[in-house]
PDB file of N, CA and C in Angstrom:
ATOM      1  N   UNK A   1      -9.358 117.542 -47.966  1.00  0.00           N
ATOM      2  CA  UNK A   1      -9.792 116.352 -48.429  1.00  0.00           C
ATOM      3  C   UNK A   1     -11.101 115.914 -47.977  1.00  0.00           C
ATOM      4  N   UNK A   2     -12.336 115.450 -48.468  1.00  0.00           N
ATOM      5  CA  UNK A   2     -13.454 115.472 -47.461  1.00  0.00           C
ATOM      6  C   UNK A   2     -12.934 114.003 -46.942  1.00  0.00           C
ATOM      7  N   UNK A   3     -14.045 113.556 -45.861  1.00  0.00           N
ATOM      8  CA  UNK A   3     -14.094 112.377 -45.339  1.00  0.00           C
ATOM      9  C   UNK A   3     -14.776 110.903 -46.217  1.00  0.00           C
ATOM     10  N   UNK A   4     -14.172 110.252 -46.304  1.00  0.00           N
ATOM     11  CA  UNK A   4     -14.978 109.122 -47.064  1.00  0.00           C
ATOM     12  C   UNK A   4     -16.173 108.509 -45.612  1.00  0.00           C
ATOM     13  N   UNK A   5     -17.072 108.111 -46.343  1.00  0.00           N
ATOM     14  CA  UNK A   5     -18.129 107.148 -45.319  1.00  0.00           C
ATOM     15  C   UNK A   5     -18.194 106.059 -46.033  1.00  0.00           C
ATOM     16  N   UNK A   6     -17.384 104.991 -45.041  1.00  0.00           N
ATOM     17  CA  UNK A   6     -17.849 103.292 -45.851  1.00  0.00           C
ATOM     18  C   UNK A   6     -18.437 102.769 -44.746  1.00  0.00           C
ATOM     19  N   UNK A   7     -18.720 101.164 -45.238  1.00  0.00           N
ATOM     20  CA  UNK A   7     -19.394 100.733 -43.947  1.00  0.00           C
ATOM     21  C   UNK A   7     -18.408  99.285 -43.714  1.00  0.00           C
ATOM     22  N   UNK A   8     -18.712  98.495 -42.493  1.00  0.00           N
ATOM     23  CA  UNK A   8     -18.064  97.546 -41.836  1.00  0.00           C
ATOM     24  C   UNK A   8     -19.001  96.091 -42.677  1.00  0.00           C
ATOM     25  N   UNK A   9     -18.308  95.224 -42.957  1.00  0.00           N
ATOM     26  CA  UNK A   9     -18.776  94.230 -43.332  1.00  0.00           C
ATOM     27  C   UNK A   9     -18.339  92.978 -42.928  1.00  0.00           C
ATOM     28  N   UNK A  10     -16.876  92.872 -42.230  1.00  0.00           N
ATOM     29  CA  UNK A  10     -16.565  91.876 -41.892  1.00  0.00           C
ATOM     30  C   UNK A  10     -16.786  91.256 -40.420  1.00  0.00           C
ATOM     31  N   UNK A  11     -17.237  90.527 -39.627  1.00  0.00           N
ATOM     32  CA  UNK A  11     -17.768  90.035 -38.611  1.00  0.00           C
ATOM     33  C   UNK A  11     -16.522  90.512 -37.609  1.00  0.00           C
ATOM     34  N   UNK A  12     -15.205  90.362 -37.895  1.00  0.00           N
ATOM     35  CA  UNK A  12     -14.018  90.608 -36.947  1.00  0.00           C
ATOM     36  C   UNK A  12     -14.077  91.807 -36.412  1.00  0.00           C
ATOM     37  N   UNK A  13     -14.634  92.721 -37.160  1.00  0.00           N
ATOM     38  CA  UNK A  13     -14.071  94.085 -37.188  1.00  0.00           C
ATOM     39  C   UNK A  13     -15.449  94.702 -35.940  1.00  0.00           C
ATOM     40  N   UNK A  14     -16.786  93.676 -36.528  1.00  0.00           N
ATOM     41  CA  UNK A  14     -17.711  93.974 -35.408  1.00  0.00           C
ATOM     42  C   UNK A  14     -17.522  93.736 -33.884  1.00  0.00           C
ATOM     43  N   UNK A  15     -16.713  92.100 -34.103  1.00  0.00           N
ATOM     44  CA  UNK A  15     -16.506  91.901 -32.590  1.00  0.00           C
ATOM     45  C   UNK A  15     -15.151  92.440 -31.961  1.00  0.00           C
ATOM     46  N   UNK A  16     -14.511  93.114 -32.651  1.00  0.00           N
ATOM     47  CA  UNK A  16     -13.240  93.980 -32.302  1.00  0.00           C
ATOM     48  C   UNK A  16     -13.748  95.361 -31.860  1.00  0.00           C
ATOM     49  N   UNK A  17     -14.642  95.563 -32.022  1.00  0.00           N
ATOM     50  CA  UNK A  17     -15.401  97.026 -31.855  1.00  0.00           C
ATOM     51  C   UNK A  17     -16.176  97.033 -30.558  1.00  0.00           C
ATOM     52  N   UNK A  18     -16.833  95.677 -30.397  1.00  0.00           N
ATOM     53  CA  UNK A  18     -17.768  95.436 -29.292  1.00  0.00           C
ATOM     54  C   UNK A  18     -16.504  95.249 -28.087  1.00  0.00           C
ATOM     55  N   UNK A  19     -15.497  94.277 -28.202  1.00  0.00           N
ATOM     56  CA  UNK A  19     -14.875  93.934 -27.263  1.00  0.00           C
ATOM     57  C   UNK A  19     -13.563  95.278 -26.845  1.00  0.00           C
ATOM     58  N   UNK A  20     -13.387  96.130 -27.701  1.00  0.00           N
ATOM     59  CA  UNK A  20     -12.368  97.180 -27.339  1.00  0.00           C
ATOM     60  C   UNK A  20     -12.975  98.362 -27.356  1.00  0.00           C
ATOM     61  N   UNK A  21     -13.899  98.875 -28.050  1.00  0.00           N
ATOM     62  CA  UNK A  21     -14.469  99.835 -28.024  1.00  0.00           C
ATOM     63  C   UNK A  21     -15.388 100.404 -27.010  1.00  0.00           C
ATOM     64  N   UNK A  22     -15.758 101.498 -27.118  1.00  0.00           N
ATOM     65  CA  UNK A  22     -16.707 102.202 -25.792  1.00  0.00           C
ATOM     66  C   UNK A  22     -18.034 102.229 -26.733  1.00  0.00           C
ATOM     67  N   UNK A  23     -19.265 102.191 -25.608  1.00  0.00           N
ATOM     68  CA  UNK A  23     -20.604 101.782 -26.016  1.00  0.00           C
ATOM     69  C   UNK A  23     -21.409 102.901 -25.112  1.00  0.00           C
ATOM     70  N   UNK A  24     -22.408 103.677 -25.876  1.00  0.00           N
ATOM     71  CA  UNK A  24     -23.490 104.448 -25.142  1.00  0.00           C
ATOM     72  C   UNK A  24     -24.802 104.152 -25.991  1.00  0.00           C
ATOM     73  N   UNK A  25     -25.852 103.597 -24.636  1.00  0.00           N
ATOM     74  CA  UNK A  25     -26.891 102.941 -24.872  1.00  0.00           C
ATOM     75  C   UNK A  25     -27.438 104.083 -24.697  1.00  0.00           C
ATOM     76  N   UNK A  26     -28.551 104.305 -25.631  1.00  0.00           N
ATOM     77  CA  UNK A  26     -29.664 105.494 -25.532  1.00  0.00           C
ATOM     78  C   UNK A  26     -31.143 104.631 -25.823  1.00  0.00           C
ATOM     79  N   UNK A  27     -32.209 105.499 -25.666  1.00  0.00           N
ATOM     80  CA  UNK A  27     -33.446 104.803 -25.908  1.00  0.00           C
ATOM     81  C   UNK A  27     -33.680 104.039 -27.154  1.00  0.00           C
ATOM     82  N   UNK A  28     -33.192 104.648 -28.414  1.00  0.00           N
ATOM     83  CA  UNK A  28     -33.826 103.993 -29.543  1.00  0.00           C
ATOM     84  C   UNK A  28     -32.725 103.591 -30.022  1.00  0.00           C
ATOM     85  N   UNK A  29     -31.591 103.419 -29.560  1.00  0.00           N
ATOM     86  CA  UNK A  29     -30.181 102.600 -30.022  1.00  0.00           C
ATOM     87  C   UNK A  29     -29.056 102.618 -29.118  1.00  0.00           C
ATOM     88  N   UNK A  30     -27.761 101.951 -29.465  1.00  0.00           N
ATOM     89  CA  UNK A  30     -26.639 101.490 -28.677  1.00  0.00           C
ATOM     90  C   UNK A  30     -25.609 101.899 -29.905  1.00  0.00           C
ATOM     91  N   UNK A  31     -24.943 102.798 -29.437  1.00  0.00           N
ATOM     92  CA  UNK A  31     -23.563 103.261 -30.377  1.00  0.00           C
ATOM     93  C   UNK A  31     -22.615 102.723 -29.716  1.00  0.00           C
ATOM     94  N   UNK A  32     -21.597 102.106 -30.518  1.00  0.00           N
ATOM     95  CA  UNK A  32     -20.118 101.528 -29.934  1.00  0.00           C
ATOM     96  C   UNK A  32     -19.205 102.188 -31.216  1.00  0.00           C
ATOM     97  N   UNK A  33     -18.462 102.472 -30.537  1.00  0.00           N
ATOM     98  CA  UNK A  33     -17.231 103.328 -31.487  1.00  0.00           C
ATOM     99  C   UNK A  33     -15.696 103.064 -30.894  1.00  0.00           C
ATOM    100  N   UNK A  34     -14.773 103.371 -31.784  1.00  0.00           N
ATOM    101  CA  UNK A  34     -13.249 103.041 -31.593  1.00  0.00           C
ATOM    102  C   UNK A  34     -12.667 103.639 -32.695  1.00  0.00           C
ATOM    103  N   UNK A  35     -11.774 104.569 -32.180  1.00  0.00           N
ATOM    104  CA  UNK A  35     -10.889 104.853 -32.870  1.00  0.00           C
ATOM    105  C   UNK A  35      -9.673 104.242 -33.575  1.00  0.00           C
ATOM    106  N   UNK A  36      -9.326 104.228 -35.142  1.00  0.00           N
ATOM    107  CA  UNK A  36      -8.386 103.796 -35.586  1.00  0.00           C
ATOM    108  C   UNK A  36      -7.112 104.571 -36.165  1.00  0.00           C
ATOM    109  N   UNK A  37      -6.135 104.052 -35.963  1.00  0.00           N
ATOM    110  CA  UNK A  37      -4.831 104.558 -36.109  1.00  0.00           C
ATOM    111  C   UNK A  37      -4.218 104.180 -37.577  1.00  0.00           C
ATOM    112  N   UNK A  38      -4.622 105.627 -38.546  1.00  0.00           N
ATOM    113  CA  UNK A  38      -4.115 105.527 -39.670  1.00  0.00           C
ATOM    114  C   UNK A  38      -3.022 106.074 -40.168  1.00  0.00           C
ATOM    115  N   UNK A  39      -2.272 105.457 -40.616  1.00  0.00           N
ATOM    116  CA  UNK A  39      -0.681 106.068 -40.615  1.00  0.00           C
ATOM    117  C   UNK A  39      -0.629 107.020 -42.401  1.00  0.00           C
ATOM    118  N   UNK A  40      -1.469 106.831 -42.974  1.00  0.00           N
ATOM    119  CA  UNK A  40      -1.616 107.550 -44.013  1.00  0.00           C
ATOM    120  C   UNK A  40      -2.529 108.395 -43.688  1.00  0.00           C
ATOM    121  N   UNK A  41      -2.590 109.523 -44.628  1.00  0.00           N
ATOM    122  CA  UNK A  41      -3.287 110.817 -44.578  1.00  0.00           C
ATOM    123  C   UNK A  41      -4.481 110.757 -44.985  1.00  0.00           C
ATOM    124  N   UNK A  42      -5.621 109.620 -45.445  1.00  0.00           N
ATOM    125  CA  UNK A  42      -6.787 109.355 -45.492  1.00  0.00           C
ATOM    126  C   UNK A  42      -7.742 109.431 -44.198  1.00  0.00           C
ATOM    127  N   UNK A  43      -8.632 110.132 -44.680  1.00  0.00           N
ATOM    128  CA  UNK A  43      -9.726 110.436 -43.704  1.00  0.00           C
ATOM    129  C   UNK A  43     -11.085 109.711 -44.293  1.00  0.00           C
ATOM    130  N   UNK A  44     -11.267 108.996 -42.820  1.00  0.00           N
ATOM    131  CA  UNK A  44     -12.640 107.883 -43.284  1.00  0.00           C
ATOM    132  C   UNK A  44     -13.391 107.756 -41.720  1.00  0.00           C
ATOM    133  N   UNK A  45     -14.521 107.610 -42.157  1.00  0.00           N
ATOM    134  CA  UNK A  45     -15.371 106.968 -41.197  1.00  0.00           C
ATOM    135  C   UNK A  45     -16.505 105.567 -41.495  1.00  0.00           C
ATOM    136  N   UNK A  46     -15.912 104.739 -40.681  1.00  0.00           N
ATOM    137  CA  UNK A  46     -16.655 103.303 -41.204  1.00  0.00           C
ATOM    138  C   UNK A  46     -17.476 103.286 -39.859  1.00  0.00           C
ATOM    139  N   UNK A  47     -19.060 102.301 -40.617  1.00  0.00           N
ATOM    140  CA  UNK A  47     -20.035 102.231 -39.564  1.00  0.00           C
ATOM    141  C   UNK A  47     -20.485 101.112 -40.195  1.00  0.00           C
ATOM    142  N   UNK A  48     -21.455 100.275 -39.146  1.00  0.00           N
ATOM    143  CA  UNK A  48     -21.794  99.116 -39.428  1.00  0.00           C
ATOM    144  C   UNK A  48     -23.288  99.420 -38.677  1.00  0.00           C
ATOM    145  N   UNK A  49     -24.223  98.219 -39.239  1.00  0.00           N
ATOM    146  CA  UNK A  49     -25.459  98.448 -38.812  1.00  0.00           C
ATOM    147  C   UNK A  49     -26.176  97.031 -38.109  1.00  0.00           C
ATOM    148  N   UNK A  50     -26.353  96.627 -36.889  1.00  0.00           N
ATOM    149  CA  UNK A  50     -27.091  95.577 -36.596  1.00  0.00           C
ATOM    150  C   UNK A  50     -28.192  95.372 -36.139  1.00  0.00           C
ATOM    151  N   UNK A  51     -29.067  94.256 -35.982  1.00  0.00           N
ATOM    152  CA  UNK A  51     -30.360  94.038 -35.339  1.00  0.00           C
ATOM    153  C   UNK A  51     -30.590  92.898 -34.915  1.00  0.00           C
ATOM    154  N   UNK A  52     -30.624  92.531 -33.726  1.00  0.00           N
ATOM    155  CA  UNK A  52     -30.484  91.134 -33.154  1.00  0.00           C
ATOM    156  C   UNK A  52     -32.083  90.551 -33.223  1.00  0.00           C
ATOM    157  N   UNK A  53     -32.292  89.239 -33.277  1.00  0.00           N
ATOM    158  CA  UNK A  53     -33.708  88.422 -33.307  1.00  0.00           C
ATOM    159  C   UNK A  53     -34.387  89.002 -32.005  1.00  0.00           C
ATOM    160  N   UNK A  54     -33.718  89.262 -30.983  1.00  0.00           N
ATOM    161  CA  UNK A  54     -34.836  89.946 -29.566  1.00  0.00           C
ATOM    162  C   UNK A  54     -35.634  91.105 -30.248  1.00  0.00           C
ATOM    163  N   UNK A  55     -35.225  92.094 -31.433  1.00  0.00           N
ATOM    164  CA  UNK A  55     -36.024  93.146 -31.539  1.00  0.00           C
ATOM    165  C   UNK A  55     -37.330  92.744 -32.481  1.00  0.00           C
ATOM    166  N   UNK A  56     -37.426  91.596 -33.034  1.00  0.00           N
ATOM    167  CA  UNK A  56     -38.725  91.222 -33.899  1.00  0.00           C
ATOM    168  C   UNK A  56     -37.981  90.320 -34.927  1.00  0.00           C
ATOM    169  N   UNK A  57     -39.036  90.343 -36.177  1.00  0.00           N
ATOM    170  CA  UNK A  57     -38.897  89.528 -36.989  1.00  0.00           C
ATOM    171  C   UNK A  57     -38.082  89.937 -37.874  1.00  0.00           C
ATOM    172  N   UNK A  58     -38.092  89.538 -39.192  1.00  0.00           N
ATOM    173  CA  UNK A  58     -37.058  89.709 -40.369  1.00  0.00           C
ATOM    174  C   UNK A  58     -37.790  91.595 -40.869  1.00  0.00           C
ATOM    175  N   UNK A  59     -38.811  91.336 -40.881  1.00  0.00           N
ATOM    176  CA  UNK A  59     -39.725  92.895 -41.486  1.00  0.00           C
ATOM    177  C   UNK A  59     -38.719  93.790 -40.790  1.00  0.00           C
ATOM    178  N   UNK A  60     -39.216  93.617 -39.326  1.00  0.00           N
ATOM    179  CA  UNK A  60     -38.869  94.834 -38.273  1.00  0.00           C
ATOM    180  C   UNK A  60     -37.478  94.882 -38.079  1.00  0.00           C
ATOM    181  N   UNK A  61     -36.782  93.719 -38.336  1.00  0.00           N
ATOM    182  CA  UNK A  61     -35.068  94.054 -38.126  1.00  0.00           C
ATOM    183  C   UNK A  61     -34.542  95.046 -39.472  1.00  0.00           C
ATOM    184  N   UNK A  62     -35.237  94.630 -40.572  1.00  0.00           N
ATOM    185  CA  UNK A  62     -34.674  95.177 -41.723  1.00  0.00           C
ATOM    186  C   UNK A  62     -35.060  96.652 -41.593  1.00  0.00           C
ATOM    187  N   UNK A  63     -36.433  97.149 -41.405  1.00  0.00           N
ATOM    188  CA  UNK A  63     -36.650  98.436 -41.450  1.00  0.00           C
ATOM    189  C   UNK A  63     -35.906  99.042 -40.379  1.00  0.00           C
ATOM    190  N   UNK A  64     -35.608  98.500 -39.303  1.00  0.00           N
ATOM    191  CA  UNK A  64     -34.891  99.362 -38.228  1.00  0.00           C
ATOM    192  C   UNK A  64     -33.363  99.599 -38.555  1.00  0.00           C
ATOM    193  N   UNK A  65     -32.745  98.391 -39.713  1.00  0.00           N
ATOM    194  CA  UNK A  65     -31.489  98.854 -40.110  1.00  0.00           C
ATOM    195  C   UNK A  65     -31.549  99.503 -41.295  1.00  0.00           C
ATOM    196  N   UNK A  66     -32.333  99.638 -42.366  1.00  0.00           N
ATOM    197  CA  UNK A  66     -32.618 100.705 -43.048  1.00  0.00           C
ATOM    198  C   UNK A  66     -33.003 102.513 -42.351  1.00  0.00           C
ATOM    199  N   UNK A  67     -33.442 102.389 -41.025  1.00  0.00           N
ATOM    200  CA  UNK A  67     -33.440 103.681 -40.465  1.00  0.00           C
ATOM    201  C   UNK A  67     -32.154 103.736 -40.139  1.00  0.00           C
ATOM    202  N   UNK A  68     -31.571 103.031 -39.511  1.00  0.00           N
ATOM    203  CA  UNK A  68     -30.179 103.300 -38.708  1.00  0.00           C
ATOM    204  C   UNK A  68     -29.317 103.596 -39.896  1.00  0.00           C
ATOM    205  N   UNK A  69     -29.046 103.081 -40.826  1.00  0.00           N
ATOM    206  CA  UNK A  69     -27.894 103.324 -42.260  1.00  0.00           C
ATOM    207  C   UNK A  69     -28.032 105.008 -42.306  1.00  0.00           C
ATOM    208  N   UNK A  70     -29.505 105.192 -42.755  1.00  0.00           N
ATOM    209  CA  UNK A  70     -29.724 106.561 -43.578  1.00  0.00           C
ATOM    210  C   UNK A  70     -29.313 107.569 -42.357  1.00  0.00           C
ATOM    211  N   UNK A  71     -29.868 107.102 -41.014  1.00  0.00           N
ATOM    212  CA  UNK A  71     -29.480 108.240 -39.914  1.00  0.00           C
ATOM    213  C   UNK A  71     -27.389 108.140 -39.806  1.00  0.00           C
ATOM    214  N   UNK A  72     -27.066 107.249 -39.892  1.00  0.00           N
ATOM    215  CA  UNK A  72     -25.645 107.148 -39.787  1.00  0.00           C
ATOM    216  C   UNK A  72     -24.926 108.083 -40.771  1.00  0.00           C
ATOM    217  N   UNK A  73     -25.662 107.683 -42.391  1.00  0.00           N
ATOM    218  CA  UNK A  73     -24.972 108.623 -43.079  1.00  0.00           C
ATOM    219  C   UNK A  73     -25.200 109.861 -43.278  1.00  0.00           C
ATOM    220  N   UNK A  74     -26.174 110.413 -42.601  1.00  0.00           N
ATOM    221  CA  UNK A  74     -26.636 112.104 -42.360  1.00  0.00           C
ATOM    222  C   UNK A  74     -25.988 112.445 -41.255  1.00  0.00           C
ATOM    223  N   UNK A  75     -25.790 111.822 -39.858  1.00  0.00           N
ATOM    224  CA  UNK A  75     -25.077 112.337 -38.713  1.00  0.00           C
ATOM    225  C   UNK A  75     -23.994 112.258 -38.494  1.00  0.00           C
ATOM    226  N   UNK A  76     -23.246 111.079 -38.815  1.00  0.00           N
ATOM    227  CA  UNK A  76     -22.166 110.543 -38.781  1.00  0.00           C
ATOM    228  C   UNK A  76     -20.973 111.556 -39.449  1.00  0.00           C
ATOM    229  N   UNK A  77     -21.545 112.150 -40.810  1.00  0.00           N
ATOM    230  CA  UNK A  77     -20.489 113.019 -41.921  1.00  0.00           C
ATOM    231  C   UNK A  77     -20.355 113.965 -41.116  1.00  0.00           C
ATOM    232  N   UNK A  78     -21.443 114.775 -40.470  1.00  0.00           N
ATOM    233  CA  UNK A  78     -21.155 115.910 -39.872  1.00  0.00           C
ATOM    234  C   UNK A  78     -20.813 116.232 -38.420  1.00  0.00           C
ATOM    235  N   UNK A  79     -20.632 114.792 -37.557  1.00  0.00           N
ATOM    236  CA  UNK A  79     -20.591 115.116 -36.209  1.00  0.00           C
ATOM    237  C   UNK A  79     -19.347 114.308 -35.946  1.00  0.00           C
ATOM    238  N   UNK A  80     -19.267 113.195 -36.582  1.00  0.00           N
ATOM    239  CA  UNK A  80     -18.285 112.115 -35.941  1.00  0.00           C
ATOM    240  C   UNK A  80     -16.994 112.265 -36.077  1.00  0.00           C
ATOM    241  N   UNK A  81     -15.922 111.782 -35.144  1.00  0.00           N
ATOM    242  CA  UNK A  81     -14.589 111.908 -35.715  1.00  0.00           C
ATOM    243  C   UNK A  81     -13.970 111.312 -36.697  1.00  0.00           C
ATOM    244  N   UNK A  82     -13.158 111.685 -37.469  1.00  0.00           N
ATOM    245  CA  UNK A  82     -12.416 111.408 -38.730  1.00  0.00           C
ATOM    246  C   UNK A  82     -11.722 110.032 -38.113  1.00  0.00           C
ATOM    247  N   UNK A  83     -11.504 108.774 -38.984  1.00  0.00           N
ATOM    248  CA  UNK A  83     -10.559 107.661 -38.653  1.00  0.00           C
ATOM    249  C   UNK A  83     -11.299 107.038 -37.643  1.00  0.00           C
ATOM    250  N   UNK A  84     -12.479 107.101 -37.449  1.00  0.00           N
ATOM    251  CA  UNK A  84     -13.044 105.884 -36.093  1.00  0.00           C
ATOM    252  C   UNK A  84     -13.993 104.854 -36.803  1.00  0.00           C
ATOM    253  N   UNK A  85     -14.443 104.014 -36.310  1.00  0.00           N
ATOM    254  CA  UNK A  85     -15.210 103.159 -36.472  1.00  0.00           C
ATOM    255  C   UNK A  85     -16.426 102.909 -35.659  1.00  0.00           C
ATOM    256  N   UNK A  86     -17.714 103.024 -35.810  1.00  0.00           N
ATOM    257  CA  UNK A  86     -18.915 103.130 -35.321  1.00  0.00           C
ATOM    258  C   UNK A  86     -19.901 101.849 -35.641  1.00  0.00           C
ATOM    259  N   UNK A  87     -20.560 101.189 -34.812  1.00  0.00           N
ATOM    260  CA  UNK A  87     -21.307 100.320 -34.883  1.00  0.00           C
ATOM    261  C   UNK A  87     -22.893 100.834 -34.445  1.00  0.00           C
ATOM    262  N   UNK A  88     -23.728 100.928 -35.251  1.00  0.00           N
ATOM    263  CA  UNK A  88     -25.243 101.001 -34.489  1.00  0.00           C
ATOM    264  C   UNK A  88     -26.052  99.844 -34.294  1.00  0.00           C
ATOM    265  N   UNK A  89     -26.472  99.613 -33.034  1.00  0.00           N
ATOM    266  CA  UNK A  89     -27.102  98.535 -32.656  1.00  0.00           C
ATOM    267  C   UNK A  89     -28.781  99.013 -32.535  1.00  0.00           C
ATOM    268  N   UNK A  90     -29.736  98.179 -32.917  1.00  0.00           N
ATOM    269  CA  UNK A  90     -31.151  98.602 -32.883  1.00  0.00           C
ATOM    270  C   UNK A  90     -31.503  98.306 -31.871  1.00  0.00           C
ATOM    271  N   UNK A  91     -32.549  98.889 -31.173  1.00  0.00           N
ATOM    272  CA  UNK A  91     -33.482  98.139 -30.168  1.00  0.00           C
ATOM    273  C   UNK A  91     -34.840  98.132 -30.121  1.00  0.00           C
ATOM    274  N   UNK A  92     -35.162  97.563 -29.173  1.00  0.00           N
ATOM    275  CA  UNK A  92     -36.780  97.367 -29.585  1.00  0.00           C
ATOM    276  C   UNK A  92     -37.849  98.592 -29.916  1.00  0.00           C
ATOM    277  N   UNK A  93     -37.008  99.992 -29.541  1.00  0.00           N
ATOM    278  CA  UNK A  93     -37.947 101.190 -29.195  1.00  0.00           C
ATOM    279  C   UNK A  93     -37.511 101.753 -30.908  1.00  0.00           C
ATOM    280  N   UNK A  94     -36.497 101.175 -31.452  1.00  0.00           N
ATOM    281  CA  UNK A  94     -36.052 101.750 -32.929  1.00  0.00           C
ATOM    282  C   UNK A  94     -37.128 101.574 -33.762  1.00  0.00           C
ATOM    283  N   UNK A  95     -37.976 100.684 -33.947  1.00  0.00           N
ATOM    284  CA  UNK A  95     -38.959 100.487 -35.045  1.00  0.00           C
ATOM    285  C   UNK A  95     -39.861 101.530 -34.759  1.00  0.00           C
ATOM    286  N   UNK A  96     -40.033 101.782 -33.659  1.00  0.00           N
ATOM    287  CA  UNK A  96     -41.624 103.296 -33.514  1.00  0.00           C
ATOM    288  C   UNK A  96     -40.634 104.369 -33.300  1.00  0.00           C
ATOM    289  N   UNK A  97     -39.781 104.589 -33.097  1.00  0.00           N
ATOM    290  CA  UNK A  97     -39.038 105.899 -32.712  1.00  0.00           C
ATOM    291  C   UNK A  97     -39.218 106.509 -33.693  1.00  0.00           C
ATOM    292  N   UNK A  98     -39.322 107.912 -33.842  1.00  0.00           N
ATOM    293  CA  UNK A  98     -39.118 108.901 -34.722  1.00  0.00           C
ATOM    294  C   UNK A  98     -37.884 109.265 -35.255  1.00  0.00           C
ATOM    295  N   UNK A  99     -37.574 109.553 -36.672  1.00  0.00           N
ATOM    296  CA  UNK A  99     -36.194 109.729 -37.003  1.00  0.00           C
ATOM    297  C   UNK A  99     -35.557 110.941 -36.382  1.00  0.00           C
ATOM    298  N   UNK A 100     -36.376 111.717 -36.295  1.00  0.00           N
ATOM    299  CA  UNK A 100     -35.811 113.001 -35.401  1.00  0.00           C
ATOM    300  C   UNK A 100     -34.883 112.402 -33.897  1.00  0.00           C
ATOM    301  N   UNK A 101     -36.185 111.924 -33.228  1.00  0.00           N
ATOM    302  CA  UNK A 101     -35.675 111.219 -32.119  1.00  0.00           C
ATOM    303  C   UNK A 101     -34.238 110.391 -32.091  1.00  0.00           C
ATOM    304  N   UNK A 102     -34.333 109.883 -32.892  1.00  0.00           N
ATOM    305  CA  UNK A 102     -33.232 108.867 -33.265  1.00  0.00           C
ATOM    306  C   UNK A 102     -32.090 109.185 -33.759  1.00  0.00           C
ATOM    307  N   UNK A 103     -32.428 110.782 -34.025  1.00  0.00           N
ATOM    308  CA  UNK A 103     -30.916 111.636 -34.595  1.00  0.00           C
ATOM    309  C   UNK A 103     -30.415 112.055 -33.320  1.00  0.00           C
ATOM    310  N   UNK A 104     -31.199 112.870 -32.494  1.00  0.00           N
ATOM    311  CA  UNK A 104     -30.911 113.285 -31.338  1.00  0.00           C
ATOM    312  C   UNK A 104     -30.245 112.119 -30.280  1.00  0.00           C
ATOM    313  N   UNK A 105     -30.766 110.882 -30.468  1.00  0.00           N
ATOM    314  CA  UNK A 105     -30.107 109.733 -29.393  1.00  0.00           C
ATOM    315  C   UNK A 105     -28.852 109.696 -29.947  1.00  0.00           C
ATOM    316  N   UNK A 106     -28.441 109.530 -31.459  1.00  0.00           N
ATOM    317  CA  UNK A 106     -27.086 109.413 -32.135  1.00  0.00           C
ATOM    318  C   UNK A 106     -26.416 110.706 -31.569  1.00  0.00           C
ATOM    319  N   UNK A 107     -26.615 111.778 -31.689  1.00  0.00           N
ATOM    320  CA  UNK A 107     -26.045 113.182 -31.383  1.00  0.00           C
ATOM    321  C   UNK A 107     -25.718 112.838 -29.887  1.00  0.00           C
ATOM    322  N   UNK A 108     -26.746 112.724 -28.851  1.00  0.00           N
ATOM    323  CA  UNK A 108     -26.409 112.450 -27.451  1.00  0.00           C
ATOM    324  C   UNK A 108     -25.203 111.262 -27.237  1.00  0.00           C
ATOM    325  N   UNK A 109     -25.261 110.164 -27.829  1.00  0.00           N
ATOM    326  CA  UNK A 109     -24.029 108.967 -27.817  1.00  0.00           C
ATOM    327  C   UNK A 109     -22.741 109.385 -28.145  1.00  0.00           C
ATOM    328  N   UNK A 110     -22.753 110.036 -29.530  1.00  0.00           N
ATOM    329  CA  UNK A 110     -21.798 110.780 -30.224  1.00  0.00           C
ATOM    330  C   UNK A 110     -20.632 111.993 -28.824  1.00  0.00           C
ATOM    331  N   UNK A 111     -21.704 112.610 -28.052  1.00  0.00           N
ATOM    332  CA  UNK A 111     -21.394 113.650 -26.789  1.00  0.00           C
ATOM    333  C   UNK A 111     -20.935 112.593 -26.020  1.00  0.00           C
ATOM    334  N   UNK A 112     -21.651 111.751 -25.220  1.00  0.00           N
ATOM    335  CA  UNK A 112     -21.498 110.878 -24.135  1.00  0.00           C
ATOM    336  C   UNK A 112     -19.983 110.491 -24.258  1.00  0.00           C
ATOM    337  N   UNK A 113     -19.835 109.558 -25.338  1.00  0.00           N
ATOM    338  CA  UNK A 113     -18.318 108.689 -25.298  1.00  0.00           C
ATOM    339  C   UNK A 113     -16.995 109.566 -25.935  1.00  0.00           C
ATOM    340  N   UNK A 114     -17.516 111.022 -26.076  1.00  0.00           N
ATOM    341  CA  UNK A 114     -16.872 112.292 -26.605  1.00  0.00           C
ATOM    342  C   UNK A 114     -15.710 111.627 -27.846  1.00  0.00           C
ATOM    343  N   UNK A 115     -16.859 111.337 -28.794  1.00  0.00           N
ATOM    344  CA  UNK A 115     -16.458 111.076 -30.000  1.00  0.00           C
ATOM    345  C   UNK A 115     -17.133 112.161 -31.096  1.00  0.00           C
ATOM    346  N   UNK A 116     -17.317 113.107 -30.821  1.00  0.00           N
ATOM    347  CA  UNK A 116     -17.779 114.364 -31.582  1.00  0.00           C
ATOM    348  C   UNK A 116     -16.571 115.265 -31.805  1.00  0.00           C
ATOM    349  N   UNK A 117     -16.996 115.642 -33.299  1.00  0.00           N
ATOM    350  CA  UNK A 117     -15.808 116.665 -34.012  1.00  0.00           C
ATOM    351  C   UNK A 117     -15.666 117.632 -32.735  1.00  0.00           C
ATOM    352  N   UNK A 118     -14.334 118.165 -32.696  1.00  0.00           N
ATOM    353  CA  UNK A 118     -13.972 119.625 -32.213  1.00  0.00           C
ATOM    354  C   UNK A 118     -15.187 120.587 -32.389  1.00  0.00           C
ATOM    355  N   UNK A 119     -15.243 121.634 -31.961  1.00  0.00           N
ATOM    356  CA  UNK A 119     -15.705 122.625 -32.348  1.00  0.00           C
ATOM    357  C   UNK A 119     -17.533 123.008 -32.388  1.00  0.00           C
ATOM    358  N   UNK A 120     -18.142 121.593 -32.171  1.00  0.00           N
ATOM    359  CA  UNK A 120     -19.428 121.559 -32.165  1.00  0.00           C
ATOM    360  C   UNK A 120     -20.166 121.696 -30.644  1.00  0.00           C
TER     361      UNK A 120
END
C-alpha cells in the first residue's frame, strides 16, 4: 500500500503541531513535525505550509508557499516518516533561495528531528 499525502487545513491542527511537535529551523525554512498514532492500517503523510506577514507582501508570501508546497510533495513522499504531520514555515530567505538549497534544507531538517525513513 502506498503512502497518501494530504494537506492540513484546520487551524487547530497547525496550533497542536506548533505546541506539541518538534521544530527544526533551517536557513530557508522551518520544519515542524509530530507523529500521529493511527490505529487503522492507513499510511499517510499530512503537511501544511504557512508564511507570515513578516516575510513580505501577499505576492512574496504566495510565491514562498507555492515553492514550499512543491518541495513538500517531492521530498516528504520519499523521505518522511509515515503517519506524521509536517508544517513548513517560510522565512525571509525562502523567496530568494534556490529550490535545490531548499530541498537540502528540508532533508537536513528531517534528519535533525529524526523524522526520516529508516534505511536512508
